[in-house]
Amino acid sequence: MEAAFATVVIVVAVVGAVAAVVALATGRGAYDRIGRGDLAVADEPAPGRELEEVRQLVETANARRVARGLPPLDVEAEVMERLRAE
């Protein structure tokens, strides 16, 4: 009985190793395709969305500056500068 158990353990380990090698060989690029299906959310933001987000970020930073007693920023100029930097 103990010999049969050892045989089963060895056979299962060998079959598992072979299955792992086959999966590795046939699965090239599978990780890169995750989230790329028909129901995936688009990676690109909607047009104008980035401008709105940067403007909101600059306006919030400007409000914090004013609250600390620092002079306010020119929000439009700062938004354009940050968009150019990207």
C-alpha atoms as a PDB file:
ATOM      1  CA  MET A   1       0.000   0.000   0.000  1.00  0.00           C
ATOM      2  CA  GLU A   2       2.815   2.437   0.846  1.00  0.00           C
ATOM      3  CA  ALA A   3       4.535   1.686  -2.461  1.00  0.00           C
ATOM      4  CA  ALA A   4       1.344   2.501  -4.365  1.00  0.00           C
ATOM      5  CA  PHE A   5       1.024   5.823  -2.521  1.00  0.00           C
ATOM      6  CA  ALA A   6       4.585   6.792  -3.426  1.00  0.00           C
ATOM      7  CA  THR A   7       3.944   5.837  -7.059  1.00  0.00           C
ATOM      8  CA  VAL A   8       0.774   7.964  -7.187  1.00  0.00           C
ATOM      9  CA  VAL A   9       2.567  10.956  -5.655  1.00  0.00           C
ATOM     10  CA  ILE A  10       5.410  10.715  -8.175  1.00  0.00           C
ATOM     11  CA  VAL A  11       3.045  10.279 -11.152  1.00  0.00           C
ATOM     12  CA  VAL A  12       0.913  13.257 -10.085  1.00  0.00           C
ATOM     13  CA  ALA A  13       4.019  15.419  -9.642  1.00  0.00           C
ATOM     14  CA  VAL A  14       5.379  14.464 -13.078  1.00  0.00           C
ATOM     15  CA  VAL A  15       2.009  15.048 -14.789  1.00  0.00           C
ATOM     16  CA  GLY A  16       1.709  18.411 -13.036  1.00  0.00           C
ATOM     17  CA  ALA A  17       5.187  19.438 -14.144  1.00  0.00           C
ATOM     18  CA  VAL A  18       4.434  18.449 -17.749  1.00  0.00           C
ATOM     19  CA  ALA A  19       1.143  20.391 -17.638  1.00  0.00           C
ATOM     20  CA  ALA A  20       2.955  23.442 -16.260  1.00  0.00           C
ATOM     21  CA  VAL A  21       5.534  23.324 -19.077  1.00  0.00           C
ATOM     22  CA  VAL A  22       2.783  22.980 -21.696  1.00  0.00           C
ATOM     23  CA  ALA A  23       0.833  25.887 -20.186  1.00  0.00           C
ATOM     24  CA  LEU A  24       3.970  28.022 -20.128  1.00  0.00           C
ATOM     25  CA  ALA A  25       4.790  27.214 -23.754  1.00  0.00           C
ATOM     26  CA  THR A  26       1.280  27.858 -25.115  1.00  0.00           C
ATOM     27  CA  GLY A  27       0.380  30.873 -22.984  1.00  0.00           C
ATOM     28  CA  ARG A  28       2.752  33.438 -24.518  1.00  0.00           C
ATOM     29  CA  GLY A  29       1.345  36.937 -24.162  1.00  0.00           C
ATOM     30  CA  ALA A  30      -1.665  35.841 -22.119  1.00  0.00           C
ATOM     31  CA  TYR A  31      -0.747  38.254 -19.342  1.00  0.00           C
ATOM     32  CA  ASP A  32      -0.582  41.132 -21.847  1.00  0.00           C
ATOM     33  CA  ARG A  33      -4.136  40.412 -23.029  1.00  0.00           C
ATOM     34  CA  ILE A  34      -5.725  40.687 -19.585  1.00  0.00           C
ATOM     35  CA  GLY A  35      -8.389  43.397 -19.654  1.00  0.00           C
ATOM     36  CA  ARG A  36      -8.324  43.752 -23.449  1.00  0.00           C
ATOM     37  CA  GLY A  37     -11.604  41.966 -24.215  1.00  0.00           C
ATOM     38  CA  ASP A  38     -14.833  43.339 -25.664  1.00  0.00           C
ATOM     39  CA  LEU A  39     -16.086  44.461 -22.250  1.00  0.00           C
ATOM     40  CA  ALA A  40     -12.838  46.144 -21.176  1.00  0.00           C
ATOM     41  CA  VAL A  41     -12.837  49.775 -20.111  1.00  0.00           C
ATOM     42  CA  ALA A  42     -10.975  52.060 -22.508  1.00  0.00           C
ATOM     43  CA  ASP A  43      -7.480  53.101 -21.437  1.00  0.00           C
ATOM     44  CA  GLU A  44      -7.754  56.504 -23.070  1.00  0.00           C
ATOM     45  CA  PRO A  45      -9.604  59.223 -21.162  1.00  0.00           C
ATOM     46  CA  ALA A  46     -12.470  60.978 -22.881  1.00  0.00           C
ATOM     47  CA  PRO A  47     -11.465  64.111 -24.831  1.00  0.00           C
ATOM     48  CA  GLY A  48     -11.355  67.094 -22.512  1.00  0.00           C
ATOM     49  CA  ARG A  49     -11.330  64.878 -19.437  1.00  0.00           C
ATOM     50  CA  GLU A  50      -7.613  65.405 -18.841  1.00  0.00           C
ATOM     51  CA  LEU A  51      -8.027  69.175 -19.072  1.00  0.00           C
ATOM     52  CA  GLU A  52     -10.830  69.063 -16.488  1.00  0.00           C
ATOM     53  CA  GLU A  53      -8.774  66.915 -14.126  1.00  0.00           C
ATOM     54  CA  VAL A  54      -5.700  69.136 -14.379  1.00  0.00           C
ATOM     55  CA  ARG A  55      -7.818  72.269 -13.895  1.00  0.00           C
ATOM     56  CA  GLN A  56      -9.416  70.756 -10.787  1.00  0.00           C
ATOM     57  CA  LEU A  57      -5.987  69.801  -9.435  1.00  0.00           C
ATOM     58  CA  VAL A  58      -4.609  73.319 -10.002  1.00  0.00           C
ATOM     59  CA  GLU A  59      -7.678  74.998  -8.511  1.00  0.00           C
ATOM     60  CA  THR A  60      -7.390  72.831  -5.389  1.00  0.00           C
ATOM     61  CA  ALA A  61      -3.669  73.575  -5.070  1.00  0.00           C
ATOM     62  CA  ASN A  62      -4.414  77.272  -5.530  1.00  0.00           C
ATOM     63  CA  ALA A  63      -7.062  77.197  -2.781  1.00  0.00           C
ATOM     64  CA  ARG A  64      -4.531  75.598  -0.421  1.00  0.00           C
ATOM     65  CA  ARG A  65      -1.942  78.275  -1.314  1.00  0.00           C
ATOM     66  CA  VAL A  66      -4.411  81.065  -0.575  1.00  0.00           C
ATOM     67  CA  ALA A  67      -5.411  79.395   2.711  1.00  0.00           C
ATOM     68  CA  ARG A  68      -1.721  79.384   3.754  1.00  0.00           C
ATOM     69  CA  GLY A  69      -1.469  83.090   2.961  1.00  0.00           C
ATOM     70  CA  LEU A  70       0.560  82.722  -0.239  1.00  0.00           C
ATOM     71  CA  PRO A  71      -0.298  84.681  -3.388  1.00  0.00           C
ATOM     72  CA  PRO A  72      -2.761  82.933  -5.723  1.00  0.00           C
ATOM     73  CA  LEU A  73      -1.611  81.252  -8.926  1.00  0.00           C
ATOM     74  CA  ASP A  74      -2.769  82.127 -12.432  1.00  0.00           C
ATOM     75  CA  VAL A  75      -4.892  79.004 -12.824  1.00  0.00           C
ATOM     76  CA  GLU A  76      -5.107  79.075 -16.635  1.00  0.00           C
ATOM     77  CA  ALA A  77      -1.365  79.549 -17.100  1.00  0.00           C
ATOM     78  CA  GLU A  78      -0.595  76.779 -14.613  1.00  0.00           C
ATOM     79  CA  VAL A  79      -3.040  74.392 -16.324  1.00  0.00           C
ATOM     80  CA  MET A  80      -1.448  75.027 -19.730  1.00  0.00           C
ATOM     81  CA  GLU A  81       2.044  74.583 -18.285  1.00  0.00           C
ATOM     82  CA  ARG A  82       1.146  71.241 -16.688  1.00  0.00           C
ATOM     83  CA  LEU A  83      -0.504  69.998 -19.876  1.00  0.00           C
ATOM     84  CA  ARG A  84       2.615  70.941 -21.883  1.00  0.00           C
ATOM     85  CA  ALA A  85       4.834  69.087 -19.370  1.00  0.00           C
ATOM     86  CA  GLU A  86       2.997  65.788 -20.012  1.00  0.00           C
END
